[in-house]
Structures are given as structure tokens and as C-alpha cells.
């Protein structure tokens, strides 16, 4: 017991525990940021559901408004992309690349859906929505 306390005291004096404490606090902060981003991204789902309903019903009035919610969460999408696989090992890098692709596809297909809704083109809107939904599901599954 005494030897353990002496080692702990020596580490404390050397500042090692302070650094470890900062690292642990930063990790908790990162985990909270990632959890918050995931909640924000998942909160987009009801708006996508409403957009789908309106597209299939040929009601174009609110589709762009629903997509505005998607665009407003861009920073949350970016947090998920950058923080889900933070390592530099090959698996983490490959996984991050896949998430980058899906995140880009979400924004690209939301823009295509907005343009199709503005043009009131049901075939283009359905195709854009299908691609948007698929990328969104893939990103949420990560």
C-alpha cells in the first residue's frame, strides 16, 4: 500500500496524472460531442419521412423546408464522419473514407431532391430521395 501511494505521489508531482486527467477529460468531451451529433443526425429522420410522404403524394410545398433541416445538421454529419473512427490504422481510415462518401452523398442527394421538388419532377424526386435515404441509413448504421 505505501509503495503504491509513493508511486502515485511521485507521478502526481511529475505532472503525469494531470496530463492523464486532461486526456481522459478530452476523451469524455469527444464522446459527448459524438453522441450529441448522432442524436442530431437521427432527429432528421422524421423530416425525411415527411419529405418522402409529400414526394409520393405530389405535394411539393414543404419538401424544401424538410430538406432545410438536413442542411442545418451539416456540422453534425461532419462530426460523425471525423469522430466515429478517430484512429490512423488502415481499418479506421477506410471506414472514415466510407463515411465521407456517405456524408457527401447525403448532401448531394438532398440538393438533387430540392431541385426535383422545385421542378415538381416526381421521377427525379423519387430517385434522389431513394439515394438520400440509403446514404442516410448507411451513415446512421456506422
Protein backbone atom coordinates (compact mmCIF):
# COMPACT_ATOMS: atom_id res chain seq x y z
CA UNK A 1 0.00 0.00 0.00
CA UNK A 2 2.71 2.51 0.99
CA UNK A 3 4.81 1.83 -2.12
CA UNK A 4 1.76 2.33 -4.31
CA UNK A 5 0.99 5.66 -2.61
CA UNK A 6 4.59 6.80 -3.04
CA UNK A 7 4.47 5.97 -6.77
CA UNK A 8 1.15 7.78 -7.10
CA UNK A 9 2.56 10.81 -5.27
CA UNK A 10 5.66 10.80 -7.50
CA UNK A 11 3.50 10.69 -10.63
CA UNK A 12 1.36 13.50 -9.27
CA UNK A 13 4.44 15.63 -8.58
CA UNK A 14 5.80 14.89 -12.05
CA UNK A 15 2.55 16.13 -13.60
CA UNK A 16 1.81 12.74 -15.20
CA UNK A 17 -1.59 12.43 -13.54
CA UNK A 18 -2.57 15.92 -14.63
CA UNK A 19 -1.82 15.06 -18.26
CA UNK A 20 -3.68 11.74 -17.98
CA UNK A 21 -6.60 13.62 -16.44
CA UNK A 22 -6.65 16.09 -19.34
CA UNK A 23 -6.58 13.23 -21.83
CA UNK A 24 -9.43 11.45 -20.05
CA UNK A 25 -11.47 14.67 -19.90
CA UNK A 26 -10.86 15.31 -23.60
CA UNK A 27 -11.96 11.78 -24.45
CA UNK A 28 -15.18 12.21 -22.45
CA UNK A 29 -15.75 15.54 -24.20
CA UNK A 30 -15.21 13.91 -27.61
CA UNK A 31 -17.61 11.10 -26.74
CA UNK A 32 -20.27 13.62 -25.66
CA UNK A 33 -19.77 15.62 -28.85
CA UNK A 34 -20.11 12.48 -30.96
CA UNK A 35 -23.19 11.31 -29.02
CA UNK A 36 -24.78 14.73 -29.48
CA UNK A 37 -24.01 14.70 -33.21
CA UNK A 38 -25.57 11.24 -33.55
CA UNK A 39 -28.73 12.41 -31.77
CA UNK A 40 -28.95 15.46 -34.03
CA UNK A 41 -28.49 13.36 -37.17
CA UNK A 42 -31.11 10.86 -36.01
CA UNK A 43 -33.51 13.76 -35.38
CA UNK A 44 -33.51 14.32 -39.15
CA UNK A 45 -35.40 11.05 -39.77
CA UNK A 46 -38.96 12.38 -39.20
CA UNK A 47 -38.28 15.19 -41.68
CA UNK A 48 -37.07 12.70 -44.26
CA UNK A 49 -40.21 10.65 -43.64
CA UNK A 50 -42.38 13.72 -44.24
CA UNK A 51 -40.41 14.58 -47.38
CA UNK A 52 -40.98 11.04 -48.66
CA UNK A 53 -44.70 11.25 -47.94
CA UNK A 54 -45.01 14.56 -49.75
CA UNK A 55 -42.93 13.44 -52.74
CA UNK A 56 -45.05 10.34 -53.26
CA UNK A 57 -48.23 12.39 -52.82
CA UNK A 58 -47.01 15.01 -55.29
CA UNK A 59 -47.14 17.75 -52.65
CA UNK A 60 -44.12 19.94 -53.23
CA UNK A 61 -44.82 22.91 -50.95
CA UNK A 62 -42.89 21.76 -47.85
CA UNK A 63 -40.24 19.41 -49.28
CA UNK A 64 -37.54 22.09 -49.38
CA UNK A 65 -38.37 23.06 -45.80
CA UNK A 66 -37.85 19.46 -44.66
CA UNK A 67 -34.55 19.40 -46.50
CA UNK A 68 -33.53 22.60 -44.76
CA UNK A 69 -33.40 20.57 -41.56
CA UNK A 70 -31.00 18.15 -43.25
CA UNK A 71 -28.77 21.03 -44.37
CA UNK A 72 -28.87 22.62 -40.92
CA UNK A 73 -27.28 19.48 -39.44
CA UNK A 74 -24.29 19.50 -41.79
CA UNK A 75 -21.87 20.06 -38.88
CA UNK A 76 -23.34 17.06 -37.04
CA UNK A 77 -22.81 14.91 -40.15
CA UNK A 78 -19.20 16.15 -40.28
CA UNK A 79 -18.66 15.32 -36.60
CA UNK A 80 -19.86 11.76 -37.17
CA UNK A 81 -17.57 11.42 -40.19
CA UNK A 82 -14.48 12.71 -38.39
CA UNK A 83 -15.01 11.29 -34.90
CA UNK A 84 -16.55 7.82 -35.36
CA UNK A 85 -13.25 6.25 -36.42
CA UNK A 86 -10.54 8.52 -34.98
CA UNK A 87 -7.59 6.17 -35.48
CA UNK A 88 -5.00 6.22 -38.24
CA UNK A 89 -4.90 2.47 -38.77
CA UNK A 90 -5.98 1.12 -42.19
CA UNK A 91 -9.41 -0.05 -40.99
CA UNK A 92 -10.20 3.32 -39.38
CA UNK A 93 -9.04 5.21 -42.47
CA UNK A 94 -11.07 3.00 -44.81
CA UNK A 95 -14.13 3.36 -42.56
CA UNK A 96 -13.69 7.12 -42.43
CA UNK A 97 -13.44 7.23 -46.24
CA UNK A 98 -16.72 5.32 -46.49
CA UNK A 99 -18.39 7.74 -44.07
CA UNK A 100 -17.06 10.72 -46.02
CA UNK A 101 -18.60 9.27 -49.17
CA UNK A 102 -21.97 8.71 -47.49
CA UNK A 103 -21.94 12.18 -45.90
CA UNK A 104 -21.21 13.76 -49.28
CA UNK A 105 -23.95 11.65 -50.88
CA UNK A 106 -26.48 12.82 -48.28
CA UNK A 107 -25.85 16.48 -49.08
CA UNK A 108 -25.62 15.89 -52.85
CA UNK A 109 -28.86 13.90 -52.97
CA UNK A 110 -30.66 16.37 -50.70
CA UNK A 111 -29.69 19.09 -53.18
CA UNK A 112 -30.93 16.93 -56.08
CA UNK A 113 -34.19 16.30 -54.23
CA UNK A 114 -34.62 20.03 -53.58
CA UNK A 115 -34.08 20.76 -57.29
CA UNK A 116 -36.51 18.00 -58.30
CA UNK A 117 -39.12 19.31 -55.86
CA UNK A 118 -38.70 22.82 -57.22
CA UNK A 119 -39.21 21.45 -60.74
CA UNK A 120 -42.06 19.23 -59.46
CA UNK A 121 -40.44 16.22 -61.13
CA UNK A 122 -41.72 13.13 -59.37
CA UNK A 123 -39.37 10.61 -61.07
CA UNK A 124 -36.28 12.69 -60.26
CA UNK A 125 -37.52 13.35 -56.74
CA UNK A 126 -38.15 9.66 -56.06
CA UNK A 127 -34.70 8.71 -57.33
CA UNK A 128 -32.99 11.45 -55.31
CA UNK A 129 -34.98 10.54 -52.19
CA UNK A 130 -34.08 6.84 -52.55
CA UNK A 131 -30.37 7.65 -52.80
CA UNK A 132 -30.59 10.16 -49.95
CA UNK A 133 -32.36 7.65 -47.73
CA UNK A 134 -29.86 4.90 -48.50
CA UNK A 135 -26.86 7.11 -47.68
CA UNK A 136 -28.56 8.39 -44.51
CA UNK A 137 -29.24 4.83 -43.33
CA UNK A 138 -25.65 3.81 -44.02
CA UNK A 139 -24.27 6.79 -42.12
CA UNK A 140 -26.58 6.14 -39.15
CA UNK A 141 -25.53 2.48 -39.08
CA UNK A 142 -21.85 3.35 -38.61
